[in-house]
Protein backbone atom coordinates (compact mmCIF):
# COMPACT_ATOMS: atom_id res chain seq x y z
CA MET A 1 0.00 0.00 0.00
CA LYS A 2 1.21 3.47 -0.79
CA LYS A 3 2.20 5.24 2.38
CA THR A 4 2.41 9.02 2.39
CA SER A 5 2.59 11.75 4.98
CA LYS A 6 0.46 14.61 3.67
CA ILE A 7 -0.02 17.86 5.54
CA LEU A 8 -1.95 20.84 4.26
CA ILE A 9 -0.41 23.94 5.75
CA THR A 10 -2.35 27.16 5.59
CA LEU A 11 -1.21 30.64 6.42
CA LEU A 12 -2.89 30.39 9.83
CA GLN A 13 -0.69 27.37 10.58
CA ALA A 14 2.52 28.90 9.29
CA ALA A 15 4.18 28.81 12.71
CA LEU A 16 4.15 24.99 12.70
CA LEU A 17 6.44 22.62 10.84
CA ILE A 18 5.67 18.93 10.74
CA ASN A 19 8.78 16.79 10.95
CA LEU A 20 8.55 14.34 8.08
CA GLY A 21 10.74 11.88 9.93
CA GLY A 22 8.03 11.29 12.55
CA CYS A 23 9.29 13.57 15.34
CA LEU A 24 7.19 16.00 17.32
CA PRO A 25 6.21 19.25 15.57
CA MET A 26 8.93 21.89 15.77
CA ASN A 27 8.81 25.53 14.90
CA GLU A 28 11.56 27.17 12.89
CA GLU A 29 13.15 28.75 15.98
CA GLN A 30 13.49 25.32 17.57
CA ILE A 31 14.88 23.83 14.37
CA ASN A 32 17.41 26.63 14.00
CA ALA A 33 18.45 26.30 17.64
CA LYS A 34 18.93 22.55 17.25
CA ALA A 35 20.90 22.99 14.04
CA GLN A 36 23.06 25.71 15.56
CA ALA A 37 23.78 23.55 18.60
CA ILE A 38 25.01 20.74 16.37
CA TYR A 39 26.95 23.13 14.18
CA ASN A 40 28.64 24.83 17.13
CA ASN A 41 29.94 21.47 18.35
CA LEU A 42 31.61 20.69 15.04
CA THR A 43 34.99 21.84 13.86
CA GLU A 44 35.33 24.14 10.90
CA PRO A 45 35.02 22.26 7.58
CA PRO A 46 38.46 20.90 6.78
CA PRO A 47 40.23 22.11 3.67
CA VAL A 48 40.36 20.18 0.41
CA MET A 49 43.61 18.31 -0.04
CA GLU A 50 46.50 19.79 -1.97
CA THR A 51 47.01 18.43 -5.47
CA GLU A 52 50.77 17.91 -5.50
CA VAL A 53 53.08 15.60 -3.56
CA GLN A 54 55.48 18.05 -1.89
CA HIS A 55 57.18 16.14 0.93
CA GLU A 56 60.01 13.69 1.45
CA LEU A 57 58.94 10.18 0.50
CA ALA A 58 58.66 7.39 3.03
CA ASP A 59 60.60 4.19 2.47
CA GLU A 60 57.42 2.07 2.19
CA GLN A 61 54.90 3.12 -0.45
CA ILE A 62 51.81 1.07 0.41
CA LEU A 63 48.34 2.66 0.59
CA ARG A 64 45.67 0.83 2.57
CA LEU A 65 42.12 2.03 2.21
CA SER A 66 38.56 0.98 2.82
CA ALA A 67 36.63 0.68 -0.45
CA ARG A 68 33.38 -0.79 0.86
CA ASP A 69 31.37 1.06 -1.82
CA ILE A 70 32.94 -0.90 -4.69
CA SER A 71 30.14 -3.02 -6.15
CA TYR A 72 31.60 -4.21 -9.44
CA VAL A 73 35.06 -4.84 -10.84
CA ASP A 74 33.71 -5.18 -14.36
CA THR A 75 33.75 -2.26 -16.81
CA ASN A 76 30.33 -3.35 -18.08
CA ARG A 77 28.67 -2.83 -14.73
CA MET A 78 30.73 -0.32 -12.81
CA GLY A 79 29.15 2.69 -11.17
CA ILE A 80 30.67 5.96 -9.96
CA ASN A 81 31.86 4.35 -6.71
CA ASP A 82 33.79 1.72 -8.69
CA TYR A 83 35.92 4.32 -10.50
CA ILE A 84 38.28 4.47 -7.52
CA PHE A 85 39.54 1.05 -8.57
CA MET A 86 38.87 1.04 -12.32
CA ASP A 87 40.82 4.24 -13.03
CA GLN A 88 44.00 2.64 -11.77
CA VAL A 89 43.76 -0.67 -13.62
CA PHE A 90 41.77 0.10 -16.77
CA PRO A 91 42.37 3.78 -17.57
CA GLY A 92 40.78 5.40 -20.60
CA LEU A 93 42.24 7.53 -23.35
CA THR A 94 42.37 10.84 -21.48
CA ARG A 95 42.83 12.11 -17.92
CA LYS A 96 41.41 15.27 -16.36
CA ASP A 97 44.07 17.75 -15.29
CA PRO A 98 43.34 18.40 -11.58
CA ASN A 99 44.54 22.00 -11.92
CA SER A 100 42.65 23.14 -15.03
CA ASP A 101 39.74 22.44 -17.36
CA GLU A 102 42.05 20.59 -19.73
CA TYR A 103 42.14 16.88 -20.45
CA LEU A 104 45.58 15.32 -20.79
CA GLY A 105 46.72 12.28 -22.67
CA ALA A 106 46.49 8.99 -20.80
CA LEU A 107 46.55 6.14 -23.35
CA ALA A 108 46.04 8.69 -26.12
CA LYS A 109 48.99 10.89 -27.06
CA SER A 110 46.87 13.46 -28.89
CA TRP A 111 43.43 13.85 -30.45
CA LYS A 112 41.51 16.09 -32.76
CA ALA A 113 37.94 16.55 -33.87
CA SER A 114 36.67 17.32 -37.36
CA ASN A 115 35.13 20.70 -38.11
CA ASP A 116 31.63 19.25 -37.72
CA LEU A 117 32.65 17.59 -34.39
CA GLN A 118 31.39 14.23 -35.64
CA THR A 119 34.73 12.50 -36.21
CA TRP A 120 37.29 12.21 -33.42
CA THR A 121 40.73 10.80 -34.12
CA PHE A 122 42.81 9.63 -31.17
CA GLU A 123 46.53 9.04 -31.75
CA LEU A 124 47.58 6.43 -29.20
CA GLN A 125 50.76 6.09 -27.20
CA ALA A 126 52.85 3.60 -29.15
CA ASP A 127 54.82 2.10 -26.28
CA ILE A 128 52.27 0.83 -23.74
CA PRO A 129 52.90 -2.92 -23.31
CA TRP A 130 50.41 -5.53 -22.25
CA VAL A 131 51.64 -7.21 -19.07
CA SER A 132 50.71 -10.20 -16.96
CA ILE A 133 51.60 -11.31 -13.44
CA ASN A 134 52.69 -14.73 -12.29
CA PRO A 135 50.35 -15.59 -9.39
CA ASP A 136 52.96 -17.82 -7.74
CA THR A 137 55.99 -15.54 -7.88
CA GLY A 138 54.35 -12.13 -8.24
CA GLU A 139 56.65 -11.40 -11.17
CA VAL A 140 55.26 -8.96 -13.76
CA SER A 141 56.30 -9.53 -17.37
CA GLU A 142 55.49 -8.11 -20.77
CA VAL A 143 53.22 -10.19 -22.99
CA GLN A 144 54.81 -11.42 -26.20
CA ASP A 145 53.35 -12.74 -29.42
CA ASN A 146 54.36 -16.02 -31.06
CA SER A 147 57.38 -14.33 -32.63
CA GLY A 148 58.67 -13.02 -29.31
CA ASN A 149 57.61 -9.41 -29.93
CA VAL A 150 56.14 -7.40 -27.08
CA ARG A 151 52.42 -6.82 -27.57
CA THR A 152 51.54 -3.15 -27.16
CA VAL A 153 48.09 -1.67 -26.66
CA SER A 154 46.61 -0.90 -30.08
CA ALA A 155 43.64 0.89 -31.58
CA ALA A 156 42.14 -2.55 -32.25
CA ASP A 157 42.28 -3.25 -28.50
CA PHE A 158 40.35 -0.06 -27.71
CA LYS A 159 37.84 -0.86 -30.42
CA ALA A 160 37.41 -4.32 -28.88
CA GLY A 161 36.90 -2.73 -25.45
CA LEU A 162 34.20 -0.37 -26.70
CA LEU A 163 32.40 -3.11 -28.63
CA ASN A 164 32.54 -5.26 -25.50
CA ILE A 165 30.65 -2.52 -23.62
CA LEU A 166 28.08 -2.33 -26.43
CA ASN A 167 27.71 -6.09 -26.92
CA PRO A 168 24.01 -6.81 -26.29
CA GLU A 169 24.92 -10.13 -24.66
CA ASN A 170 26.73 -8.29 -21.86
CA GLY A 171 23.84 -6.09 -20.75
CA SER A 172 26.24 -3.29 -19.84
CA PHE A 173 25.18 -0.42 -17.58
CA GLN A 174 27.47 1.86 -19.57
CA THR A 175 26.09 1.91 -23.12
CA TYR A 176 24.33 5.23 -22.52
CA TYR A 177 27.63 7.14 -22.63
CA LEU A 178 28.40 5.76 -26.08
CA ASN A 179 25.02 6.48 -27.65
CA THR A 180 26.33 9.35 -29.78
CA ILE A 181 28.62 6.92 -31.63
CA VAL A 182 27.17 5.91 -34.99
CA ASN A 183 25.03 2.75 -34.57
CA ALA A 184 26.18 2.22 -30.98
CA ALA A 185 22.66 2.19 -29.55
CA GLU A 186 21.48 0.02 -32.43
CA TYR A 187 24.20 -2.57 -31.80
CA ALA A 188 23.55 -2.52 -28.04
CA SER A 189 19.89 -3.37 -28.73
CA GLY A 190 20.79 -6.11 -31.22
CA GLU A 191 19.61 -4.28 -34.33
CA VAL A 192 22.91 -4.08 -36.25
CA LEU A 193 26.20 -5.96 -36.45
CA PRO A 194 29.32 -4.79 -34.56
CA GLU A 195 31.12 -3.90 -37.80
CA GLU A 196 28.42 -1.28 -38.46
CA VAL A 197 29.33 0.69 -35.32
CA GLY A 198 31.25 3.92 -35.97
CA ILE A 199 34.50 2.81 -34.31
CA GLU A 200 37.47 2.39 -36.60
CA ALA A 201 40.99 1.13 -35.92
CA ALA A 202 42.59 3.03 -38.79
CA SER A 203 46.07 1.80 -37.79
CA ASP A 204 47.79 0.31 -34.77
CA THR A 205 47.92 3.73 -33.14
CA GLU A 206 44.96 5.58 -34.69
CA LEU A 207 41.47 5.13 -33.25
CA VAL A 208 38.67 6.96 -35.06
CA ILE A 209 35.23 7.55 -33.53
CA HIS A 210 32.32 8.61 -35.76
CA THR A 211 29.34 10.19 -34.01
CA ASN A 212 25.79 10.68 -35.20
CA GLN A 213 25.69 14.27 -33.92
CA PRO A 214 28.25 16.93 -33.01
CA ASN A 215 30.00 15.95 -29.80
CA PRO A 216 32.45 18.52 -28.37
CA TYR A 217 32.87 16.68 -25.03
CA LEU A 218 34.00 13.25 -26.22
CA ASP A 219 37.44 13.90 -24.70
CA ALA A 220 35.73 13.94 -21.27
CA ILE A 221 33.82 10.70 -21.86
CA ALA A 222 37.04 9.16 -23.19
CA SER A 223 38.50 9.54 -19.68
CA LEU A 224 36.06 6.96 -18.31
CA PRO A 225 37.12 3.32 -17.91
CA ILE A 226 34.51 2.39 -20.53
CA PHE A 227 37.14 3.68 -22.98
CA SER A 228 39.54 0.97 -21.82
CA ALA A 229 41.24 -1.69 -23.91
CA ILE A 230 40.87 -5.46 -23.97
CA PRO A 231 43.15 -7.80 -25.93
CA SER A 232 41.76 -7.91 -29.46
CA TRP A 233 43.76 -11.01 -30.34
CA ILE A 234 41.94 -13.15 -27.74
CA PRO A 235 38.49 -14.29 -28.96
CA ASP A 236 36.86 -14.23 -25.51
CA PRO A 237 38.94 -12.40 -22.86
CA VAL A 238 38.35 -13.58 -19.31
CA SER A 239 36.51 -10.94 -17.24
CA LEU A 240 37.93 -9.75 -13.95
CA ALA A 241 34.57 -10.78 -12.53
CA GLU A 242 35.82 -14.37 -12.73
CA ASP A 243 37.23 -15.98 -9.60
CA THR A 244 40.84 -16.00 -10.81
CA VAL A 245 43.11 -13.27 -12.04
CA ASP A 246 46.09 -15.38 -13.11
CA VAL A 247 45.07 -15.16 -16.77
CA MET A 248 44.36 -11.46 -16.69
CA LEU A 249 46.26 -9.07 -18.90
CA TYR A 250 46.85 -5.46 -17.89
CA TYR A 251 48.31 -2.25 -19.26
CA GLY A 252 47.61 0.56 -16.75
CA PRO A 253 49.74 1.98 -13.92
CA TYR A 254 48.55 -0.80 -11.59
CA LEU A 255 47.57 -4.45 -11.90
CA VAL A 256 45.68 -6.88 -9.69
CA THR A 257 47.53 -9.43 -7.57
CA GLU A 258 44.59 -10.61 -5.48
CA TYR A 259 40.83 -10.31 -5.69
CA MET A 260 38.36 -11.81 -3.22
CA PRO A 261 34.82 -10.43 -3.70
CA GLU A 262 33.56 -8.38 -0.74
CA THR A 263 36.89 -8.94 0.98
CA VAL A 264 39.95 -7.47 -0.72
CA ILE A 265 41.52 -6.22 -3.93
CA ASN A 266 45.28 -5.79 -3.92
CA LEU A 267 47.19 -3.91 -6.60
CA VAL A 268 50.87 -3.50 -7.39
CA SER A 269 52.44 -0.85 -9.59
CA ASN A 270 53.19 -1.81 -13.17
CA PRO A 271 56.97 -1.62 -13.68
CA PHE A 272 56.44 -1.39 -17.44
CA TRP A 273 54.11 1.62 -17.33
CA PRO A 274 56.15 4.33 -19.10
CA GLY A 275 54.26 7.34 -17.80
CA THR A 276 52.25 9.77 -19.94
CA ASP A 277 51.15 13.39 -19.70
CA GLY A 278 47.96 12.40 -17.88
CA ILE A 279 49.18 9.37 -15.89
CA ARG A 280 52.64 9.65 -14.43
CA LYS A 281 54.73 6.70 -13.25
CA PRO A 282 53.21 5.82 -9.88
CA VAL A 283 55.04 6.34 -6.62
CA LEU A 284 52.86 3.97 -4.59
CA THR A 285 54.09 0.41 -5.06
CA GLU A 286 50.98 -1.23 -3.61
CA ILE A 287 47.33 -0.29 -3.09
CA ASN A 288 45.29 -2.53 -0.81
CA TYR A 289 41.49 -2.12 -0.96
CA ASP A 290 39.54 -3.52 1.99
CA LEU A 291 36.09 -4.34 0.58
CA ARG A 292 34.45 -5.58 3.77
CA THR A 293 31.17 -3.92 4.70
CA THR A 294 30.74 -5.61 8.08
CA LYS A 295 33.68 -3.95 9.82
CA ASP A 296 33.74 -0.75 11.89
CA VAL A 297 35.94 1.12 9.44
CA VAL A 298 36.42 4.18 11.64
CA ASN A 299 37.77 1.93 14.37
CA MET A 300 39.98 0.20 11.79
CA TYR A 301 41.39 3.61 10.89
CA ALA A 302 41.89 4.53 14.55
CA GLU A 303 43.72 1.24 15.12
CA GLY A 304 46.04 1.90 12.17
CA GLU A 305 44.69 -0.84 9.89
CA ILE A 306 43.82 1.53 7.04
CA ASP A 307 45.19 4.89 5.93
CA LEU A 308 42.33 6.34 3.87
CA LEU A 309 38.59 6.09 4.41
CA GLN A 310 35.58 7.77 2.84
CA LEU A 311 33.04 8.53 5.56
CA ASN A 312 29.28 8.58 5.35
CA THR A 313 27.47 11.53 6.93
CA VAL A 314 26.77 9.74 10.22
CA GLU A 315 30.42 8.73 10.56
CA TYR A 316 31.55 12.23 9.63
CA GLU A 317 29.45 13.81 12.38
CA ASP A 318 30.62 11.24 14.93
CA VAL A 319 34.28 11.74 14.03
CA LEU A 320 34.03 15.51 14.43
CA GLN A 321 32.54 15.25 17.91
CA GLY A 322 35.39 14.21 20.16
CA SER A 323 36.75 11.15 18.38
CA GLY A 324 40.33 12.40 18.46
CA LEU A 325 40.52 11.94 14.69
CA GLU A 326 39.26 15.41 13.80
CA GLY A 327 42.65 16.52 12.53
CA ASP A 328 42.67 13.78 9.90
CA VAL A 329 39.38 14.81 8.29
CA VAL A 330 39.46 16.29 4.79
CA THR A 331 36.75 17.08 2.27
CA SER A 332 36.63 16.92 -1.50
CA PRO A 333 34.03 17.88 -4.11
CA SER A 334 31.38 15.21 -4.58
CA SER A 335 29.88 14.20 -7.90
CA CYS A 336 26.29 14.80 -6.72
CA GLY A 337 24.02 17.71 -5.82
CA TYR A 338 20.45 18.47 -4.72
CA TYR A 339 17.89 20.34 -6.80
CA LEU A 340 14.22 21.30 -6.69
CA PHE A 341 12.55 21.04 -10.06
CA PHE A 342 9.08 22.02 -11.14
CA LYS A 343 7.03 19.28 -12.76
CA GLN A 344 3.44 20.55 -12.86
CA ILE A 345 3.28 24.29 -13.52
CA ASP A 346 -0.07 24.63 -15.22
CA SER A 347 -2.02 25.98 -12.24
CA GLY A 348 -1.80 27.44 -8.76
CA LEU A 349 1.32 28.88 -7.16
CA ALA A 350 3.71 27.32 -9.66
CA ALA A 351 1.93 28.62 -12.75
CA SER A 352 3.85 31.88 -13.24
CA ALA A 353 7.57 32.44 -13.68
CA GLU A 354 7.42 35.32 -11.19
CA ALA A 355 5.94 33.07 -8.50
CA ARG A 356 8.57 30.42 -9.16
CA GLN A 357 11.27 33.08 -8.87
CA MET A 358 9.85 34.16 -5.51
CA ILE A 359 9.77 30.53 -4.33
CA ALA A 360 13.47 30.30 -5.19
CA ALA A 361 14.15 33.60 -3.39
CA ALA A 362 12.50 32.28 -0.23
CA ILE A 363 14.90 29.34 0.21
CA ASN A 364 17.89 29.89 2.48
CA LYS A 365 20.51 27.67 0.85
CA LYS A 366 23.24 28.75 3.25
CA GLY A 367 21.00 27.77 6.13
CA LEU A 368 20.37 24.36 4.56
CA ASN A 369 24.10 23.92 4.12
CA ASN A 370 24.92 24.82 7.74
CA SER A 371 22.14 22.83 9.39
CA ILE A 372 22.30 19.66 7.29
CA PHE A 373 25.79 19.55 5.74
CA TRP A 374 27.81 21.37 8.43
CA GLY A 375 28.66 24.13 5.96
CA THR A 376 30.73 21.78 3.78
CA ALA A 377 28.55 21.80 0.66
CA GLN A 378 28.75 24.28 -2.22
CA THR A 379 25.62 26.43 -2.30
CA LEU A 380 24.29 26.43 -5.85
CA ASP A 381 23.14 29.56 -7.61
CA HIS A 382 23.70 27.83 -10.95
CA PHE A 383 22.55 24.54 -12.39
CA VAL A 384 26.14 23.40 -13.03
CA PRO A 385 28.36 23.67 -9.93
CA ALA A 386 31.50 25.76 -9.98
CA GLY A 387 34.60 23.77 -10.81
CA VAL A 388 32.99 21.57 -13.45
CA ARG A 389 34.35 22.15 -16.95
CA GLY A 390 32.06 24.58 -18.76
CA GLY A 391 30.31 25.79 -15.60
CA LEU A 392 30.10 29.32 -14.25
CA PRO A 393 32.45 30.36 -11.44
CA GLN A 394 31.07 30.45 -7.92
CA ASP A 395 31.18 34.26 -7.76
CA ASP A 396 29.24 34.79 -10.99
CA GLU A 397 26.22 36.99 -10.25
CA LEU A 398 23.74 34.98 -12.34
CA GLY A 399 21.14 33.37 -10.12
CA ILE A 400 18.25 34.23 -7.84
CA PRO A 401 19.51 35.67 -4.54
CA TYR A 402 17.99 34.85 -1.18
CA ASP A 403 15.34 37.53 -0.54
CA PRO A 404 12.80 36.27 2.03
CA GLU A 405 11.26 39.66 2.76
CA ASN A 406 10.38 40.34 -0.86
CA ALA A 407 9.09 36.79 -1.27
CA ALA A 408 6.89 37.09 1.83
CA GLU A 409 5.36 40.35 0.60
CA TYR A 410 4.71 38.83 -2.82
CA PHE A 411 2.90 35.74 -1.51
CA GLU A 412 0.98 37.65 1.13
CA ALA A 413 -0.47 39.80 -1.63
CA LEU A 414 -1.05 36.81 -3.90
CA VAL A 415 -2.95 34.80 -1.30
CA SER A 416 -4.92 37.85 -0.16
CA GLU A 417 -6.07 38.35 -3.72
CA ASP A 418 -7.07 34.67 -4.06
CA PRO A 419 -7.49 32.92 -0.66
CA THR A 420 -8.55 29.69 -2.41
CA ILE A 421 -5.41 29.40 -4.50
CA GLU A 422 -4.11 25.84 -4.71
CA PRO A 423 -1.20 25.20 -2.28
CA LEU A 424 2.25 24.48 -3.60
CA GLN A 425 2.61 20.69 -3.66
CA LEU A 426 6.05 19.42 -2.64
CA TYR A 427 7.18 15.84 -3.15
CA THR A 428 10.12 13.89 -1.78
CA VAL A 429 11.17 10.45 -0.62
CA GLY A 430 11.98 9.26 2.89
CA TRP A 431 15.60 8.54 2.06
CA GLU A 432 18.88 9.82 3.49
CA ASN A 433 18.94 13.66 3.44
CA TYR A 434 15.71 14.16 1.51
CA PRO A 435 13.25 14.55 4.44
CA ALA A 436 15.53 16.89 6.39
CA LEU A 437 16.14 19.06 3.33
CA LEU A 438 12.47 19.34 2.43
CA GLU A 439 11.57 19.96 6.06
CA SER A 440 13.87 22.99 6.15
CA ILE A 441 12.71 24.14 2.73
CA ALA A 442 9.11 23.92 3.94
CA ALA A 443 10.00 26.12 6.91
CA ASN A 444 11.51 28.73 4.56
CA LEU A 445 8.42 28.71 2.36
CA MET A 446 6.01 29.01 5.26
CA ASP A 447 7.97 32.00 6.53
CA ALA A 448 7.39 33.49 3.07
CA ASN A 449 3.60 33.01 3.44
CA VAL A 450 3.51 30.14 0.93
CA PRO A 451 0.67 27.65 1.53
CA ILE A 452 2.14 24.21 0.91
CA SER A 453 1.20 20.55 0.82
CA ILE A 454 3.89 17.92 1.39
CA THR A 455 3.86 14.29 0.25
CA GLN A 456 6.56 11.77 1.05
CA ALA A 457 7.04 8.54 -0.89
CA GLU A 458 7.65 5.41 1.13
CA ASP A 459 10.51 4.08 -0.95
CA TRP A 460 12.79 4.90 -3.87
CA GLY A 461 10.86 2.79 -6.40
CA GLU A 462 7.61 4.58 -5.65
CA TYR A 463 9.36 7.93 -5.84
CA LEU A 464 10.87 7.26 -9.28
CA ASP A 465 7.62 5.86 -10.64
CA THR A 466 5.77 8.96 -9.47
CA ILE A 467 8.12 11.64 -10.82
CA ASN A 468 8.19 9.92 -14.21
CA ASP A 469 4.41 9.67 -14.39
CA PRO A 470 2.97 12.35 -16.75
CA GLU A 471 -0.11 12.53 -14.52
CA MET A 472 1.77 13.22 -11.30
CA PRO A 473 0.08 16.06 -9.38
CA TYR A 474 3.08 17.60 -7.62
CA ASN A 475 4.53 21.01 -8.46
CA LEU A 476 7.94 20.86 -6.87
CA VAL A 477 10.10 17.75 -6.53
CA LEU A 478 13.34 17.37 -4.59
CA THR A 479 15.94 15.13 -6.18
CA GLU A 480 19.64 14.43 -6.25
CA TYR A 481 21.57 14.24 -9.50
CA CYS A 482 25.11 13.01 -10.10
CA MET A 483 27.47 13.70 -12.95
CA SER A 484 29.46 10.90 -14.56
CA TYR A 485 32.22 12.83 -16.28
CA ASP A 486 33.78 16.21 -15.59
CA ASP A 487 32.01 18.40 -18.11
CA ALA A 488 28.87 20.54 -17.87
CA GLN A 489 27.22 18.42 -20.54
CA SER A 490 27.03 15.54 -18.07
CA LEU A 491 24.42 17.60 -16.20
CA TRP A 492 22.71 19.22 -19.19
CA ASP A 493 22.09 15.71 -20.53
CA ALA A 494 19.32 15.52 -17.92
CA TRP A 495 17.23 17.88 -20.04
CA LEU A 496 17.21 15.55 -23.02
CA ASP A 497 14.47 13.26 -21.72
CA ASN A 498 11.34 13.63 -19.62
CA SER A 499 12.75 12.69 -16.23
CA PHE A 500 14.35 14.39 -13.23
CA PHE A 501 14.93 18.06 -14.10
CA THR A 502 12.77 18.33 -17.17
CA THR A 503 9.23 19.51 -16.65
CA GLN A 504 6.37 17.97 -18.56
CA SER A 505 6.58 19.24 -22.14
CA GLU A 506 2.96 20.39 -22.20
CA ASN A 507 3.66 22.67 -19.22
CA TRP A 508 6.96 24.27 -20.14
CA GLN A 509 8.39 24.92 -23.55
CA SER A 510 11.42 27.02 -24.38
CA ALA A 511 12.56 26.97 -27.97
CA ALA A 512 15.35 29.38 -26.99
CA PHE A 513 16.72 26.91 -24.41
CA TYR A 514 16.73 23.92 -26.73
CA ASP A 515 18.19 26.00 -29.55
CA LEU A 516 21.04 26.93 -27.21
CA LEU A 517 21.49 23.31 -26.14
CA ASP A 518 21.74 22.27 -29.80
CA ALA A 519 24.08 25.16 -30.55
CA SER A 520 26.36 24.28 -27.63
CA LEU A 521 27.06 20.93 -29.26
CA THR A 522 28.48 22.61 -32.34
CA GLU A 523 31.03 24.69 -30.42
CA SER A 524 34.53 23.25 -30.61
CA LYS A 525 35.98 25.89 -28.27
CA LEU A 526 35.17 25.43 -24.60
CA GLU A 527 34.72 29.15 -23.93
CA LYS A 528 32.11 29.42 -26.69
CA ARG A 529 30.29 26.35 -25.40
CA ALA A 530 30.39 27.78 -21.87
CA GLU A 531 28.74 30.97 -23.13
CA LYS A 532 25.82 28.91 -24.44
CA TYR A 533 25.58 27.08 -21.14
CA ALA A 534 25.47 30.42 -19.29
CA GLU A 535 22.53 31.52 -21.44
CA MET A 536 20.83 28.20 -20.69
CA GLU A 537 21.36 28.86 -16.99
CA ALA A 538 19.71 32.27 -17.35
CA ILE A 539 16.61 30.71 -18.92
CA THR A 540 16.13 27.68 -16.67
CA VAL A 541 17.33 29.04 -13.31
CA VAL A 542 16.40 32.74 -13.53
CA ASN A 543 13.99 33.81 -16.25
CA ASP A 544 11.70 30.77 -16.28
CA ALA A 545 12.85 29.40 -12.91
CA VAL A 546 11.90 25.80 -13.66
CA VAL A 547 14.74 24.43 -11.55
CA ILE A 548 16.07 25.62 -8.20
CA PRO A 549 19.68 24.51 -7.63
CA LEU A 550 20.29 23.96 -3.92
CA LEU A 551 23.56 22.38 -2.82
CA TRP A 552 26.46 20.42 -4.28
CA GLU A 553 27.73 17.91 -1.76
CA SER A 554 31.21 17.24 -0.48
CA ASP A 555 32.76 13.86 0.19
CA TYR A 556 34.22 13.30 3.64
CA TRP A 557 37.45 11.41 4.25
CA LEU A 558 39.78 10.30 6.99
CA ARG A 559 43.31 10.55 5.63
CA ARG A 560 46.48 9.99 7.55
CA PRO A 561 48.91 12.97 7.50
CA THR A 562 51.49 10.74 5.84
CA VAL A 563 49.19 10.12 2.86
CA ASP A 564 49.49 12.87 0.26
CA GLY A 565 47.70 13.37 -3.03
CA PRO A 566 44.65 14.97 -4.71
CA LEU A 567 41.07 13.96 -4.05
CA LEU A 568 39.19 14.82 -7.21
CA THR A 569 35.50 15.11 -8.05
CA LEU A 570 34.94 11.64 -9.48
CA SER A 571 37.88 9.56 -8.33
CA PRO A 572 41.34 9.98 -6.79
CA HIS A 573 44.09 9.23 -9.28
CA PHE A 574 46.48 7.28 -7.09
CA GLU A 575 49.38 7.56 -9.51
CA ASP A 576 49.64 11.13 -8.15
CA TRP A 577 49.74 9.95 -4.53
CA ALA A 578 52.57 9.02 -2.18
CA ILE A 579 53.31 8.09 1.41
CA VAL A 580 55.45 10.84 2.93
CA LYS A 581 57.52 11.17 6.07
């Protein structure tokens, strides 16, 4: 049975806030006092780690970390949490420069796009050998062909890797990112043969990708492990998902010496990795991933069993309140953020752009950040967070500023003019931070004289079914969205179908927005593409106000002072890390 908590809040009841989590009613003063009490007991948000190794190296270069969020060690099924492992063993063609918006060469030496941005040619590094490891001796050796020649990674190997992702028999989670390649989607659905896909090994070192539309961001997608190689000369390469790794072949900066599902993955550095612009020769000689989910990982860290640990929010709060580990806490930009988006805007309070702008102006994002995320999140005035390639800088003035007084005056007049106006209908799910966020948002809106109705889904499945239903009755929906590659297009992709951020097409149409989205795909220069994105921000966030960006999360870590290296948005690149004295 569908279980919802629905409260109709009128202006006469504006002093009350119903706690969606089942607690006693609290007014905003009580909520603020509680939040401030928690916040006052916490340390200041720790700084993001430096991005260069700058200290004297320790004699032993072994990194031990908890990686309990790794679900798959298969490029066909990996999610964002699995990148922390995949990036080290199966790197793609490019690598994001941690200090700029540029992508550097990883397995690719250089690349160029045609004038119409529909043909990308990647010139590969010519000297990357395939290697294997002897499971008995641990000796790493180069793989040779029948004539005794060292096998190097070729364009045919990358073509084989991409076709493996698209192979309909594999049911890969990753085919979506390759859909702009000619006939990729058709092959993934079994409609065409693999030789009809627009991937061409023009020579041993030249990989050519043909797309069915302009694609100026393929260099970013090419950084993902889906753009990894598999041996093209082996008819059916053994997947790492198998129980053994003694037949595995590798080419990246690290290779696997041991894999026990839900227990451990151990890596050693590849002595034959030559180093490239994007992936240097690693300093760490071993990386040991503890995959166990049943252990108290904070205690393991405190006892010295692991050196690096990503914390969940409960662990983060506990650590900062007298654990003695506060000095080891660092934060890094997450890959996910929270947004409010308007679905039904054909009547009531959500029907006019001005009203939607005032709703946005009534929400205290800084207050949400302090009370729920301890001030560690990035408050969002833009759809694309600052720091993502193609996004606006944090100090750009575009956006709707917090203006509760003006919003309150506006809605007081609006409701006085029409006391029977339909309340704003908010929808969320009882999951993680969603109830607390919407609870605080509801308090902001009630302070601004906005009559609201709140509905909470019982579970994630019900929530997704509801927000994708064209007949859903709710005006404003809270959701989280994550990017998969470091480029603004990863977020703007959400506007290409009828889910999440997009409103129902019969309720909101903007030819100007979609013209800009189409035009952005024809811009080969990042600055020109970013200009189009900025105009898209102005339409969706400000002028039409169909989405309200809220907060971009941070990831929380425990990191020993002797562990040095950059924590990046999607995954740490451990070839840039070291153990220091």
